[in-house]
N, C-alpha and C. Protein backbone atom coordinates (compact mmCIF):
# COMPACT_ATOMS: atom_id res chain seq x y z
N MET A 1 22.73 -46.63 38.71
CA MET A 1 22.12 -48.29 39.18
C MET A 1 20.56 -47.81 38.25
N SER A 2 20.19 -48.84 37.96
CA SER A 2 19.39 -49.11 36.30
C SER A 2 18.38 -49.63 36.79
N SER A 3 16.81 -49.70 36.62
CA SER A 3 16.15 -50.49 36.92
C SER A 3 16.25 -51.60 36.60
N GLU A 4 16.69 -51.80 36.37
CA GLU A 4 16.83 -53.47 35.29
C GLU A 4 17.34 -54.17 36.31
N GLY A 5 17.86 -54.02 37.24
CA GLY A 5 18.45 -54.91 38.35
C GLY A 5 19.82 -56.06 38.32
N ASN A 6 20.56 -55.29 36.81
CA ASN A 6 21.71 -56.51 36.31
C ASN A 6 22.81 -55.72 36.78
N GLU A 7 22.94 -55.40 37.90
CA GLU A 7 24.62 -54.60 37.99
C GLU A 7 25.48 -55.52 38.97
N GLU A 8 26.40 -55.64 38.68
CA GLU A 8 27.29 -56.40 39.63
C GLU A 8 27.20 -56.09 41.11
N PRO A 9 27.29 -56.31 42.08
CA PRO A 9 27.35 -56.25 43.59
C PRO A 9 28.47 -55.59 43.80
N THR A 10 28.96 -53.92 44.19
CA THR A 10 29.98 -52.99 44.88
C THR A 10 30.22 -53.59 45.97
N SER A 11 29.21 -53.89 47.26
CA SER A 11 29.54 -53.24 48.32
C SER A 11 30.45 -53.74 48.80
N ALA A 12 31.49 -53.44 49.70
CA ALA A 12 32.53 -54.30 49.98
C ALA A 12 32.12 -55.34 51.25
N ALA A 13 31.04 -55.13 51.94
CA ALA A 13 30.44 -55.58 52.98
C ALA A 13 29.74 -56.95 52.31
N SER A 14 29.80 -57.26 51.42
CA SER A 14 29.13 -57.96 51.23
C SER A 14 29.85 -58.76 50.15
N PRO A 15 31.11 -59.43 49.79
CA PRO A 15 31.50 -60.16 48.92
C PRO A 15 30.97 -61.24 48.62
N GLY A 16 30.66 -61.54 47.55
CA GLY A 16 30.10 -63.14 47.34
C GLY A 16 28.46 -63.18 47.08
N THR A 17 28.57 -61.60 47.72
CA THR A 17 26.88 -61.98 48.14
C THR A 17 26.07 -61.58 46.57
N THR A 18 25.34 -62.68 46.07
CA THR A 18 24.23 -61.83 45.31
C THR A 18 22.41 -62.23 45.02
N PHE A 19 21.86 -61.05 44.64
CA PHE A 19 20.27 -61.46 44.27
C PHE A 19 19.94 -62.41 43.44
N SER A 20 19.40 -62.81 43.31
CA SER A 20 18.39 -63.93 42.25
C SER A 20 17.81 -62.82 41.65
N ASP A 21 17.76 -63.09 40.08
CA ASP A 21 17.44 -61.87 38.88
C ASP A 21 15.47 -61.70 39.00
N LEU A 22 15.25 -61.35 40.47
CA LEU A 22 13.94 -61.53 40.46
C LEU A 22 13.08 -59.99 40.79
N SER A 23 11.95 -59.59 39.72
CA SER A 23 11.61 -58.10 39.86
C SER A 23 10.74 -58.28 41.18
N LEU A 24 10.62 -56.53 41.67
CA LEU A 24 9.36 -56.27 42.41
C LEU A 24 8.38 -56.57 42.35
N GLU A 25 8.22 -56.04 40.86
CA GLU A 25 6.54 -56.61 39.89
C GLU A 25 6.31 -58.36 40.31
N LYS A 26 7.63 -59.21 39.95
CA LYS A 26 6.97 -60.51 39.99
C LYS A 26 6.61 -60.53 41.13
N LEU A 27 7.08 -60.00 42.05
CA LEU A 27 6.66 -60.86 43.46
C LEU A 27 5.51 -60.09 44.26
N ARG A 28 5.57 -58.63 43.24
CA ARG A 28 4.08 -57.93 44.08
C ARG A 28 3.14 -59.01 43.39
N GLN A 29 2.87 -59.52 42.10
CA GLN A 29 1.97 -60.32 41.54
C GLN A 29 2.29 -62.10 42.18
N THR A 30 3.06 -62.18 42.49
CA THR A 30 3.17 -63.46 43.37
C THR A 30 2.23 -63.70 44.36
N VAL A 31 2.30 -62.46 45.36
CA VAL A 31 1.89 -62.19 46.80
C VAL A 31 0.36 -62.04 46.28
N GLU A 32 0.26 -61.20 45.70
CA GLU A 32 -1.20 -60.86 45.12
C GLU A 32 -1.55 -62.45 45.20
N LYS A 33 -1.45 -63.05 44.06
CA LYS A 33 -2.12 -64.13 43.54
C LYS A 33 -2.38 -65.01 44.67
N PHE A 34 -0.91 -65.48 45.61
CA PHE A 34 -1.26 -66.18 46.30
C PHE A 34 -2.39 -65.52 47.67
N CYS A 35 -2.57 -63.89 48.22
CA CYS A 35 -3.70 -63.78 48.78
C CYS A 35 -4.97 -63.58 48.38
N VAL A 36 -5.48 -63.20 47.11
CA VAL A 36 -6.39 -63.54 46.17
C VAL A 36 -6.69 -65.38 45.96
N GLU A 37 -5.73 -65.94 46.22
CA GLU A 37 -6.24 -67.46 46.18
C GLU A 37 -6.93 -67.66 47.83
N ARG A 38 -6.47 -67.20 48.67
CA ARG A 38 -6.68 -67.57 50.28
C ARG A 38 -8.35 -66.44 50.19
N ASP A 39 -8.50 -65.80 49.97
CA ASP A 39 -9.34 -64.50 50.04
C ASP A 39 -8.99 -63.90 51.31
N TRP A 40 -7.77 -63.31 50.95
CA TRP A 40 -7.03 -62.68 52.65
C TRP A 40 -7.23 -61.34 51.94
N GLN A 41 -7.35 -60.83 50.83
CA GLN A 41 -7.37 -59.32 50.72
C GLN A 41 -7.89 -58.53 51.40
N GLN A 42 -9.19 -58.73 52.08
CA GLN A 42 -10.16 -58.37 52.92
C GLN A 42 -9.53 -57.92 54.12
N TYR A 43 -8.85 -58.21 54.50
CA TYR A 43 -7.40 -58.60 55.92
C TYR A 43 -6.90 -57.40 55.64
N HIS A 44 -5.98 -57.35 54.17
CA HIS A 44 -5.17 -56.05 54.28
C HIS A 44 -5.16 -55.07 54.04
N THR A 45 -5.80 -54.25 54.83
CA THR A 45 -5.91 -53.04 54.73
C THR A 45 -4.30 -52.56 55.44
N PRO A 46 -4.52 -51.13 54.54
CA PRO A 46 -2.55 -50.65 55.08
C PRO A 46 -2.44 -50.27 56.49
N ARG A 47 -3.99 -50.33 57.78
CA ARG A 47 -2.89 -50.49 58.65
C ARG A 47 -2.66 -51.81 58.87
N ASN A 48 -3.47 -53.19 59.00
CA ASN A 48 -3.05 -54.31 59.13
C ASN A 48 -1.78 -54.63 59.15
N LEU A 49 -1.18 -54.65 57.95
CA LEU A 49 -0.13 -54.58 56.64
C LEU A 49 0.86 -54.05 57.43
N MET A 50 0.68 -52.72 57.83
CA MET A 50 1.76 -52.18 58.52
C MET A 50 1.93 -52.87 60.07
N LEU A 51 1.25 -53.06 60.46
CA LEU A 51 1.31 -54.21 61.82
C LEU A 51 2.06 -54.74 61.85
N ALA A 52 1.44 -56.02 60.62
CA ALA A 52 2.45 -56.89 60.49
C ALA A 52 3.64 -56.88 60.23
N LEU A 53 3.82 -55.99 59.40
CA LEU A 53 5.38 -55.55 59.07
C LEU A 53 5.89 -55.10 60.34
N VAL A 54 5.75 -54.36 61.38
CA VAL A 54 6.14 -53.92 62.82
C VAL A 54 6.31 -55.44 63.35
N GLY A 55 5.79 -56.69 63.38
CA GLY A 55 5.82 -57.50 64.50
C GLY A 55 6.58 -57.97 63.35
N GLU A 56 6.93 -58.20 61.89
CA GLU A 56 8.28 -59.10 61.23
C GLU A 56 9.15 -58.55 61.29
N VAL A 57 9.66 -57.12 61.36
CA VAL A 57 10.41 -56.43 61.94
C VAL A 57 11.34 -56.67 63.29
N GLY A 58 10.04 -56.96 64.25
CA GLY A 58 10.95 -57.30 65.83
C GLY A 58 11.35 -58.43 65.61
N GLU A 59 10.19 -59.23 64.95
CA GLU A 59 11.28 -61.19 64.76
C GLU A 59 12.37 -60.69 64.09
N LEU A 60 12.84 -60.26 63.06
CA LEU A 60 14.52 -60.21 62.50
C LEU A 60 15.06 -59.45 63.78
N ALA A 61 14.61 -58.42 64.60
CA ALA A 61 15.67 -57.96 65.25
C ALA A 61 15.88 -58.72 66.45
N GLU A 62 14.83 -59.93 66.70
CA GLU A 62 15.01 -60.72 67.89
C GLU A 62 16.46 -61.92 67.18
N ILE A 63 16.79 -61.88 66.22
CA ILE A 63 17.68 -62.51 65.88
C ILE A 63 19.22 -61.79 65.98
N PHE A 64 19.09 -60.75 66.24
CA PHE A 64 20.48 -59.88 66.49
C PHE A 64 20.73 -59.34 68.05
N GLN A 65 19.89 -59.44 68.40
CA GLN A 65 19.47 -59.43 69.98
C GLN A 65 20.85 -59.71 70.59
N TRP A 66 20.73 -59.19 71.55
CA TRP A 66 22.12 -59.17 72.58
C TRP A 66 23.47 -60.27 71.98
N ARG A 67 23.45 -59.97 70.69
CA ARG A 67 24.68 -60.48 70.42
C ARG A 67 25.88 -59.54 69.08
N GLU A 68 26.51 -59.70 69.24
CA GLU A 68 27.97 -58.82 68.34
C GLU A 68 27.43 -59.50 67.06
N VAL A 69 27.54 -58.78 66.14
CA VAL A 69 27.49 -59.46 64.86
C VAL A 69 28.46 -58.75 63.53
N SER A 70 29.18 -58.96 63.30
CA SER A 70 29.91 -58.56 62.14
C SER A 70 29.07 -58.00 60.57
N PRO A 71 29.34 -57.32 60.05
CA PRO A 71 28.84 -57.00 59.14
C PRO A 71 28.46 -58.12 57.88
N ASN A 72 28.88 -59.47 57.72
CA ASN A 72 28.42 -59.97 57.22
C ASN A 72 28.06 -61.42 57.64
N ALA A 73 27.66 -61.39 59.08
CA ALA A 73 27.37 -62.07 59.88
C ALA A 73 27.41 -63.30 59.72
N PRO A 74 28.70 -64.14 59.88
CA PRO A 74 28.89 -65.35 59.37
C PRO A 74 29.47 -66.30 60.51
N GLU A 75 28.82 -65.68 61.72
CA GLU A 75 28.74 -66.80 63.59
C GLU A 75 27.75 -66.85 63.30
N LEU A 76 26.58 -66.51 61.97
CA LEU A 76 25.04 -67.34 62.04
C LEU A 76 25.49 -68.59 61.75
N SER A 77 25.42 -69.74 62.50
CA SER A 77 24.93 -71.41 61.98
C SER A 77 24.33 -71.36 60.54
N PRO A 78 24.19 -71.82 59.84
CA PRO A 78 23.61 -72.04 58.62
C PRO A 78 21.80 -72.22 59.21
N ARG A 79 22.17 -73.11 60.23
CA ARG A 79 20.20 -73.07 60.43
C ARG A 79 19.98 -71.70 60.63
N GLU A 80 20.74 -70.72 61.71
CA GLU A 80 20.46 -69.36 61.76
C GLU A 80 19.92 -68.50 60.76
N LYS A 81 21.44 -68.73 59.86
CA LYS A 81 20.98 -67.59 58.35
C LYS A 81 19.39 -68.44 57.51
N ILE A 82 19.58 -69.33 57.41
CA ILE A 82 17.74 -69.73 56.69
C ILE A 82 17.07 -68.86 57.47
N HIS A 83 16.86 -68.98 58.74
CA HIS A 83 15.72 -68.16 60.04
C HIS A 83 16.30 -66.96 58.89
N LEU A 84 17.48 -66.67 59.10
CA LEU A 84 17.14 -64.88 58.96
C LEU A 84 16.87 -64.87 57.40
N GLY A 85 16.85 -65.77 56.71
CA GLY A 85 16.79 -65.14 55.27
C GLY A 85 14.71 -65.11 55.34
N GLU A 86 14.17 -66.15 55.99
CA GLU A 86 12.97 -66.43 56.06
C GLU A 86 12.34 -64.78 56.88
N GLU A 87 13.22 -64.45 58.04
CA GLU A 87 12.07 -63.32 58.60
C GLU A 87 12.40 -61.75 57.40
N LEU A 88 13.93 -61.99 57.14
CA LEU A 88 13.93 -60.63 56.05
C LEU A 88 12.87 -60.82 54.82
N SER A 89 12.47 -62.05 54.94
CA SER A 89 11.78 -62.26 53.41
C SER A 89 10.14 -61.75 53.99
N ASP A 90 9.54 -62.38 55.17
CA ASP A 90 8.65 -61.76 55.82
C ASP A 90 8.60 -60.25 55.49
N VAL A 91 9.45 -59.55 55.85
CA VAL A 91 9.72 -58.19 56.16
C VAL A 91 9.49 -57.30 54.66
N LEU A 92 10.08 -58.17 53.64
CA LEU A 92 10.01 -57.90 52.61
C LEU A 92 8.80 -57.94 51.91
N LEU A 93 8.06 -59.34 51.75
CA LEU A 93 6.74 -59.28 51.48
C LEU A 93 5.55 -58.64 52.01
N TYR A 94 5.89 -57.98 53.29
CA TYR A 94 4.79 -57.41 54.07
C TYR A 94 5.01 -55.61 53.46
N LEU A 95 6.26 -55.60 53.23
CA LEU A 95 6.58 -54.29 52.35
C LEU A 95 6.03 -54.45 50.89
N ILE A 96 5.91 -55.48 50.28
CA ILE A 96 5.20 -55.01 49.10
C ILE A 96 4.25 -55.03 49.08
N ARG A 97 3.31 -55.78 49.70
CA ARG A 97 1.95 -55.54 49.50
C ARG A 97 1.98 -54.65 50.18
N LEU A 98 2.40 -54.07 51.17
CA LEU A 98 1.68 -52.67 51.64
C LEU A 98 1.74 -51.87 50.59
N ALA A 99 2.65 -51.73 50.23
CA ALA A 99 3.17 -50.65 48.83
C ALA A 99 2.03 -51.16 48.05
N ASP A 100 1.89 -52.23 47.14
CA ASP A 100 0.72 -52.64 46.74
C ASP A 100 -0.95 -51.88 47.01
N ARG A 101 -1.28 -52.75 48.21
CA ARG A 101 -2.77 -52.00 48.58
C ARG A 101 -2.53 -50.26 48.65
N CYS A 102 -1.41 -49.98 48.97
CA CYS A 102 -1.55 -48.18 48.86
C CYS A 102 -1.25 -47.45 47.55
N GLY A 103 -1.13 -47.95 46.41
CA GLY A 103 -0.99 -48.12 45.23
C GLY A 103 0.40 -47.15 44.98
N VAL A 104 1.80 -47.76 45.24
CA VAL A 104 2.74 -47.16 45.62
C VAL A 104 3.49 -47.97 44.43
N ASP A 105 4.03 -47.81 43.60
CA ASP A 105 5.40 -48.25 42.80
C ASP A 105 6.61 -48.88 43.38
N LEU A 106 6.52 -49.25 44.46
CA LEU A 106 8.24 -49.23 44.78
C LEU A 106 9.38 -49.37 44.20
N SER A 107 9.31 -50.01 43.23
CA SER A 107 10.53 -50.05 42.31
C SER A 107 10.65 -48.69 41.86
N ALA A 108 9.33 -47.58 41.88
CA ALA A 108 10.56 -46.17 41.14
C ALA A 108 10.35 -45.32 42.02
N ALA A 109 9.56 -45.74 43.22
CA ALA A 109 10.05 -45.09 44.70
C ALA A 109 11.50 -45.25 45.46
N VAL A 110 11.51 -46.95 44.82
CA VAL A 110 13.43 -46.94 45.54
C VAL A 110 14.66 -46.04 44.59
N LEU A 111 14.43 -45.87 43.21
CA LEU A 111 15.02 -45.43 42.57
C LEU A 111 15.55 -43.45 42.50
N ARG A 112 13.75 -43.40 43.03
CA ARG A 112 13.25 -42.01 43.48
C ARG A 112 14.69 -41.27 44.57
N LYS A 113 14.34 -42.27 45.65
CA LYS A 113 15.06 -42.26 47.16
C LYS A 113 16.17 -42.47 46.80
N ILE A 114 17.04 -43.55 45.98
CA ILE A 114 18.14 -43.82 45.61
C ILE A 114 18.86 -42.09 44.91
N GLU A 115 17.96 -41.25 43.84
CA GLU A 115 18.63 -40.28 43.78
C GLU A 115 18.70 -39.22 44.67
N LYS A 116 17.10 -39.42 45.16
CA LYS A 116 17.31 -38.00 46.62
C LYS A 116 18.53 -38.11 47.33
N ASN A 117 19.03 -39.15 47.69
CA ASN A 117 19.46 -39.37 48.36
C ASN A 117 21.23 -38.94 48.05
N ALA A 118 21.31 -39.58 46.85
CA ALA A 118 22.78 -38.76 46.14
C ALA A 118 22.74 -37.45 46.11
N GLU A 119 21.76 -36.93 46.10
CA GLU A 119 21.77 -35.07 45.95
C GLU A 119 22.03 -34.63 47.42
N LYS A 120 21.25 -35.27 48.46
CA LYS A 120 21.47 -35.37 50.06
C LYS A 120 23.23 -35.25 50.64
N TYR A 121 23.69 -36.51 49.74
CA TYR A 121 24.91 -37.22 50.03
C TYR A 121 26.00 -37.63 48.99
N PRO A 122 26.26 -36.12 48.83
CA PRO A 122 27.33 -36.37 47.41
C PRO A 122 28.78 -36.89 48.02
N VAL A 123 29.36 -37.59 47.35
CA VAL A 123 30.30 -38.21 47.69
C VAL A 123 31.46 -37.55 48.02
N ASP A 124 31.98 -36.38 47.69
CA ASP A 124 33.22 -35.52 48.05
C ASP A 124 32.65 -34.98 48.91
N ARG A 125 31.62 -34.69 49.74
CA ARG A 125 31.62 -34.30 50.68
C ARG A 125 31.10 -35.55 52.21
N VAL A 126 31.00 -36.75 51.90
CA VAL A 126 30.13 -37.95 52.69
C VAL A 126 30.99 -38.94 52.77
N TYR A 127 32.17 -38.79 51.73
CA TYR A 127 32.91 -40.40 51.79
C TYR A 127 33.67 -40.83 52.78
N GLY A 128 33.04 -42.27 53.51
CA GLY A 128 33.51 -42.30 54.90
C GLY A 128 32.73 -41.79 56.04
N LYS A 129 31.88 -41.11 56.21
CA LYS A 129 31.45 -40.12 57.01
C LYS A 129 30.01 -40.68 57.52
N ALA A 130 29.50 -40.31 58.06
CA ALA A 130 28.25 -41.25 58.68
C ALA A 130 27.19 -40.47 59.29
N LYS A 131 27.19 -38.99 59.04
CA LYS A 131 26.66 -38.20 59.52
C LYS A 131 25.29 -37.95 59.28
N LYS A 132 24.31 -37.18 59.36
CA LYS A 132 22.78 -36.95 58.72
C LYS A 132 23.33 -35.58 57.98
N TYR A 133 22.21 -35.44 56.78
CA TYR A 133 22.52 -34.78 55.75
C TYR A 133 22.49 -33.48 56.40
N LYS A 134 22.16 -32.85 57.22
CA LYS A 134 21.77 -31.46 57.87
C LYS A 134 22.84 -31.60 58.74
N GLU A 135 23.94 -32.21 58.95
CA GLU A 135 24.93 -32.03 60.01
C GLU A 135 25.79 -31.64 59.00
N TYR A 136 26.06 -32.30 57.49
CA TYR A 136 27.29 -31.58 56.80
C TYR A 136 27.05 -30.33 56.25
N GLU A 137 25.58 -29.68 56.21
CA GLU A 137 25.48 -27.94 56.39
C GLU A 137 25.80 -27.31 57.22
N GLU A 138 25.51 -27.79 58.41
CA GLU A 138 25.96 -27.28 59.65
C GLU A 138 27.29 -27.10 59.89
N ASN A 139 28.07 -28.23 59.01
CA ASN A 139 29.43 -27.60 59.22
C ASN A 139 30.19 -27.14 58.53
N GLU A 140 29.53 -26.70 58.05
CA GLU A 140 30.25 -26.40 56.26
C GLU A 140 31.30 -25.13 56.66
N GLY A 141 31.12 -23.99 57.86
CA GLY A 141 31.30 -23.01 57.80
C GLY A 141 30.23 -21.88 57.84
N PRO A 142 30.99 -20.48 57.95
CA PRO A 142 30.09 -19.55 58.51
C PRO A 142 29.03 -19.17 57.03
N SER A 143 27.86 -19.03 57.50
CA SER A 143 26.80 -19.20 56.33
C SER A 143 27.10 -17.75 55.35
N HIS A 144 26.76 -17.75 54.40
CA HIS A 144 27.24 -16.22 53.61
C HIS A 144 25.72 -15.67 53.08
N GLU A 145 24.66 -16.01 54.02
CA GLU A 145 23.12 -15.37 53.76
C GLU A 145 23.17 -13.99 54.19
N ASN A 146 23.84 -13.70 55.22
CA ASN A 146 24.12 -11.94 55.68
C ASN A 146 24.62 -11.32 54.88
N SER A 147 25.29 -11.75 53.67
CA SER A 147 26.35 -11.04 53.00
C SER A 147 25.50 -10.18 52.13
């Protein structure tokens, strides 16, 4: 995976789904400009942004509440998919704004996290399994620390 974002999607769960080529930096700049034009930066403290983000995640959760949804959510109507996209966008925009206001390079942080997860979840040990990384260590067999 590169920071360029030009790889083809490989997820079996989302055939045919691709993202437009828009960087997190471009989104950050767009959101910042939007907020500055409205003089909203005064309200965008990390606490306020985090609370707004949590509220948006709640609105996103409402879409899936009380319904079984397949991996690709095909049972959502076109109107519901538009609503889903709006709520996902709200979450992403608040997340980007929070990272910006906290001085976190979100693109770099994501790439570091993927690398860290690759170390914690090596393919040969976790393929097809959904355990927490500590469970793989616990179930490896007897420890050799006492030898």
